[in-house]
Amino acid sequence: MRLADERGLAGLTMRRLAAELGVEAMSLYNHVANKRDLLDGIAARVYESIPLPDPALAWDERLRL
C-alpha cells in the first residue's frame, strides 16, 4: 500500500513491488493472479480500515457519519 501511495496506482508495477520486497516478480504470482488482483486486495484493505457507525444509532444518524 505504501508503494501505491507513493507512486500512484499506475506507478505500482509487479516488478517494482517485487524489487521493494527483495524477490523476483514471478514469485508474486504465487500470491496474486495479476495486477488487478493486487489492486483488489489493496481496495479491500482500504475499505476494511473505514470504521462503521454504531449500529445502536438511528439509521438516519448512521447515514450522517
N, C-alpha and C. Protein backbone atom coordinates (compact mmCIF):
# COMPACT_ATOMS: atom_id res chain seq x y z
N MET A 1 0.82 -1.18 0.00
CA MET A 1 0.00 0.00 0.00
C MET A 1 0.87 1.25 0.00
N ARG A 2 2.00 1.18 0.68
CA ARG A 2 2.89 2.33 0.70
C ARG A 2 3.40 2.67 -0.70
N LEU A 3 3.78 1.66 -1.44
CA LEU A 3 4.29 1.87 -2.79
C LEU A 3 3.22 2.48 -3.68
N ALA A 4 2.00 2.00 -3.58
CA ALA A 4 0.89 2.56 -4.36
C ALA A 4 0.63 4.00 -3.95
N ASP A 5 0.76 4.29 -2.67
CA ASP A 5 0.56 5.65 -2.19
C ASP A 5 1.65 6.59 -2.72
N GLU A 6 2.88 6.12 -2.73
CA GLU A 6 3.99 6.94 -3.19
C GLU A 6 4.01 7.13 -4.71
N ARG A 7 3.71 6.08 -5.45
CA ARG A 7 3.85 6.10 -6.92
C ARG A 7 2.54 6.23 -7.66
N GLY A 8 1.43 6.06 -6.96
CA GLY A 8 0.13 6.03 -7.62
C GLY A 8 -0.12 4.64 -8.17
N LEU A 9 -1.37 4.36 -8.49
CA LEU A 9 -1.71 3.02 -8.96
C LEU A 9 -1.04 2.70 -10.29
N ALA A 10 -0.89 3.69 -11.15
CA ALA A 10 -0.22 3.46 -12.44
C ALA A 10 1.27 3.15 -12.23
N GLY A 11 1.85 3.72 -11.18
CA GLY A 11 3.27 3.51 -10.91
C GLY A 11 3.56 2.24 -10.13
N LEU A 12 2.52 1.57 -9.68
CA LEU A 12 2.69 0.30 -8.97
C LEU A 12 2.75 -0.81 -10.00
N THR A 13 3.92 -1.38 -10.15
CA THR A 13 4.08 -2.50 -11.08
C THR A 13 4.51 -3.72 -10.30
N MET A 14 4.29 -4.87 -10.90
CA MET A 14 4.69 -6.10 -10.24
C MET A 14 6.21 -6.13 -10.06
N ARG A 15 6.94 -5.65 -11.04
CA ARG A 15 8.40 -5.62 -10.92
C ARG A 15 8.86 -4.68 -9.82
N ARG A 16 8.24 -3.51 -9.75
CA ARG A 16 8.63 -2.54 -8.72
C ARG A 16 8.30 -3.08 -7.33
N LEU A 17 7.14 -3.69 -7.20
CA LEU A 17 6.76 -4.27 -5.91
C LEU A 17 7.72 -5.39 -5.52
N ALA A 18 8.03 -6.25 -6.47
CA ALA A 18 8.95 -7.34 -6.20
C ALA A 18 10.32 -6.82 -5.76
N ALA A 19 10.82 -5.80 -6.45
CA ALA A 19 12.11 -5.22 -6.09
C ALA A 19 12.06 -4.66 -4.66
N GLU A 20 10.96 -4.02 -4.33
CA GLU A 20 10.79 -3.47 -2.98
C GLU A 20 10.81 -4.57 -1.92
N LEU A 21 10.25 -5.72 -2.28
CA LEU A 21 10.18 -6.85 -1.35
C LEU A 21 11.42 -7.73 -1.38
N GLY A 22 12.30 -7.48 -2.35
CA GLY A 22 13.52 -8.26 -2.45
C GLY A 22 13.31 -9.64 -3.04
N VAL A 23 12.32 -9.77 -3.93
CA VAL A 23 12.03 -11.05 -4.58
C VAL A 23 11.92 -10.82 -6.08
N GLU A 24 11.80 -11.90 -6.83
CA GLU A 24 11.57 -11.81 -8.27
C GLU A 24 10.08 -11.56 -8.53
N ALA A 25 9.78 -10.84 -9.59
CA ALA A 25 8.39 -10.51 -9.91
C ALA A 25 7.53 -11.76 -10.06
N MET A 26 8.07 -12.80 -10.65
CA MET A 26 7.29 -14.01 -10.87
C MET A 26 6.84 -14.66 -9.55
N SER A 27 7.59 -14.46 -8.49
CA SER A 27 7.20 -15.06 -7.21
C SER A 27 5.94 -14.42 -6.65
N LEU A 28 5.62 -13.20 -7.07
CA LEU A 28 4.39 -12.55 -6.61
C LEU A 28 3.16 -13.29 -7.11
N TYR A 29 3.29 -13.94 -8.25
CA TYR A 29 2.15 -14.63 -8.84
C TYR A 29 1.76 -15.90 -8.08
N ASN A 30 2.55 -16.27 -7.08
CA ASN A 30 2.14 -17.34 -6.17
C ASN A 30 1.09 -16.83 -5.18
N HIS A 31 0.95 -15.50 -5.09
CA HIS A 31 0.05 -14.89 -4.12
C HIS A 31 -1.11 -14.13 -4.76
N VAL A 32 -0.88 -13.57 -5.94
CA VAL A 32 -1.93 -12.85 -6.67
C VAL A 32 -1.91 -13.30 -8.12
N ALA A 33 -3.07 -13.28 -8.76
CA ALA A 33 -3.16 -13.73 -10.15
C ALA A 33 -2.56 -12.72 -11.11
N ASN A 34 -2.73 -11.44 -10.82
CA ASN A 34 -2.27 -10.38 -11.72
C ASN A 34 -2.36 -9.04 -10.98
N LYS A 35 -2.06 -7.97 -11.66
CA LYS A 35 -2.07 -6.65 -11.02
C LYS A 35 -3.48 -6.29 -10.56
N ARG A 36 -4.47 -6.65 -11.34
CA ARG A 36 -5.86 -6.35 -10.94
C ARG A 36 -6.19 -7.03 -9.61
N ASP A 37 -5.74 -8.25 -9.44
CA ASP A 37 -5.94 -8.97 -8.19
C ASP A 37 -5.24 -8.25 -7.04
N LEU A 38 -4.04 -7.77 -7.29
CA LEU A 38 -3.30 -7.00 -6.30
C LEU A 38 -4.06 -5.73 -5.92
N LEU A 39 -4.57 -5.01 -6.93
CA LEU A 39 -5.32 -3.79 -6.66
C LEU A 39 -6.62 -4.08 -5.92
N ASP A 40 -7.26 -5.20 -6.22
CA ASP A 40 -8.46 -5.60 -5.47
C ASP A 40 -8.12 -5.81 -4.00
N GLY A 41 -6.98 -6.40 -3.74
CA GLY A 41 -6.53 -6.61 -2.36
C GLY A 41 -6.27 -5.30 -1.65
N ILE A 42 -5.68 -4.35 -2.35
CA ILE A 42 -5.43 -3.03 -1.78
C ILE A 42 -6.76 -2.35 -1.45
N ALA A 43 -7.70 -2.41 -2.39
CA ALA A 43 -9.02 -1.80 -2.16
C ALA A 43 -9.70 -2.43 -0.95
N ALA A 44 -9.60 -3.74 -0.82
CA ALA A 44 -10.21 -4.42 0.32
C ALA A 44 -9.61 -3.95 1.63
N ARG A 45 -8.30 -3.79 1.66
CA ARG A 45 -7.63 -3.30 2.89
C ARG A 45 -8.08 -1.89 3.23
N VAL A 46 -8.23 -1.04 2.22
CA VAL A 46 -8.68 0.33 2.46
C VAL A 46 -10.10 0.32 3.02
N TYR A 47 -11.00 -0.43 2.39
CA TYR A 47 -12.38 -0.50 2.87
C TYR A 47 -12.48 -1.06 4.28
N GLU A 48 -11.63 -2.03 4.60
CA GLU A 48 -11.64 -2.61 5.94
C GLU A 48 -11.23 -1.60 7.00
N SER A 49 -10.47 -0.60 6.62
CA SER A 49 -9.98 0.38 7.59
C SER A 49 -11.01 1.48 7.89
N ILE A 50 -12.09 1.52 7.14
CA ILE A 50 -13.13 2.53 7.36
C ILE A 50 -14.02 2.07 8.51
N PRO A 51 -14.08 2.88 9.58
CA PRO A 51 -14.90 2.45 10.72
C PRO A 51 -16.39 2.53 10.39
N LEU A 52 -17.12 1.55 10.86
CA LEU A 52 -18.56 1.53 10.65
C LEU A 52 -19.24 2.30 11.79
N PRO A 53 -20.36 2.95 11.48
CA PRO A 53 -21.06 3.66 12.55
C PRO A 53 -21.67 2.68 13.55
N ASP A 54 -21.92 3.18 14.72
CA ASP A 54 -22.52 2.38 15.79
C ASP A 54 -23.91 1.90 15.38
N PRO A 55 -24.15 0.60 15.35
CA PRO A 55 -25.47 0.11 14.94
C PRO A 55 -26.58 0.49 15.91
N ALA A 56 -26.22 0.94 17.11
CA ALA A 56 -27.23 1.37 18.08
C ALA A 56 -27.83 2.72 17.70
N LEU A 57 -27.15 3.47 16.83
CA LEU A 57 -27.68 4.76 16.41
C LEU A 57 -28.86 4.57 15.48
N ALA A 58 -29.70 5.57 15.42
CA ALA A 58 -30.81 5.55 14.47
C ALA A 58 -30.25 5.54 13.05
N TRP A 59 -30.99 4.96 12.12
CA TRP A 59 -30.49 4.81 10.75
C TRP A 59 -30.09 6.13 10.12
N ASP A 60 -30.86 7.21 10.38
CA ASP A 60 -30.53 8.49 9.76
C ASP A 60 -29.27 9.10 10.37
N GLU A 61 -29.01 8.80 11.63
CA GLU A 61 -27.77 9.28 12.26
C GLU A 61 -26.57 8.52 11.70
N ARG A 62 -26.74 7.22 11.46
CA ARG A 62 -25.65 6.42 10.87
C ARG A 62 -25.29 6.93 9.48
N LEU A 63 -26.27 7.39 8.72
CA LEU A 63 -26.00 7.91 7.37
C LEU A 63 -25.18 9.18 7.41
N ARG A 64 -25.33 9.98 8.44
CA ARG A 64 -24.60 11.26 8.53
C ARG A 64 -23.13 11.06 8.87
N LEU A 65 -22.79 9.94 9.46
CA LEU A 65 -21.41 9.69 9.87
C LEU A 65 -20.63 9.29 8.69
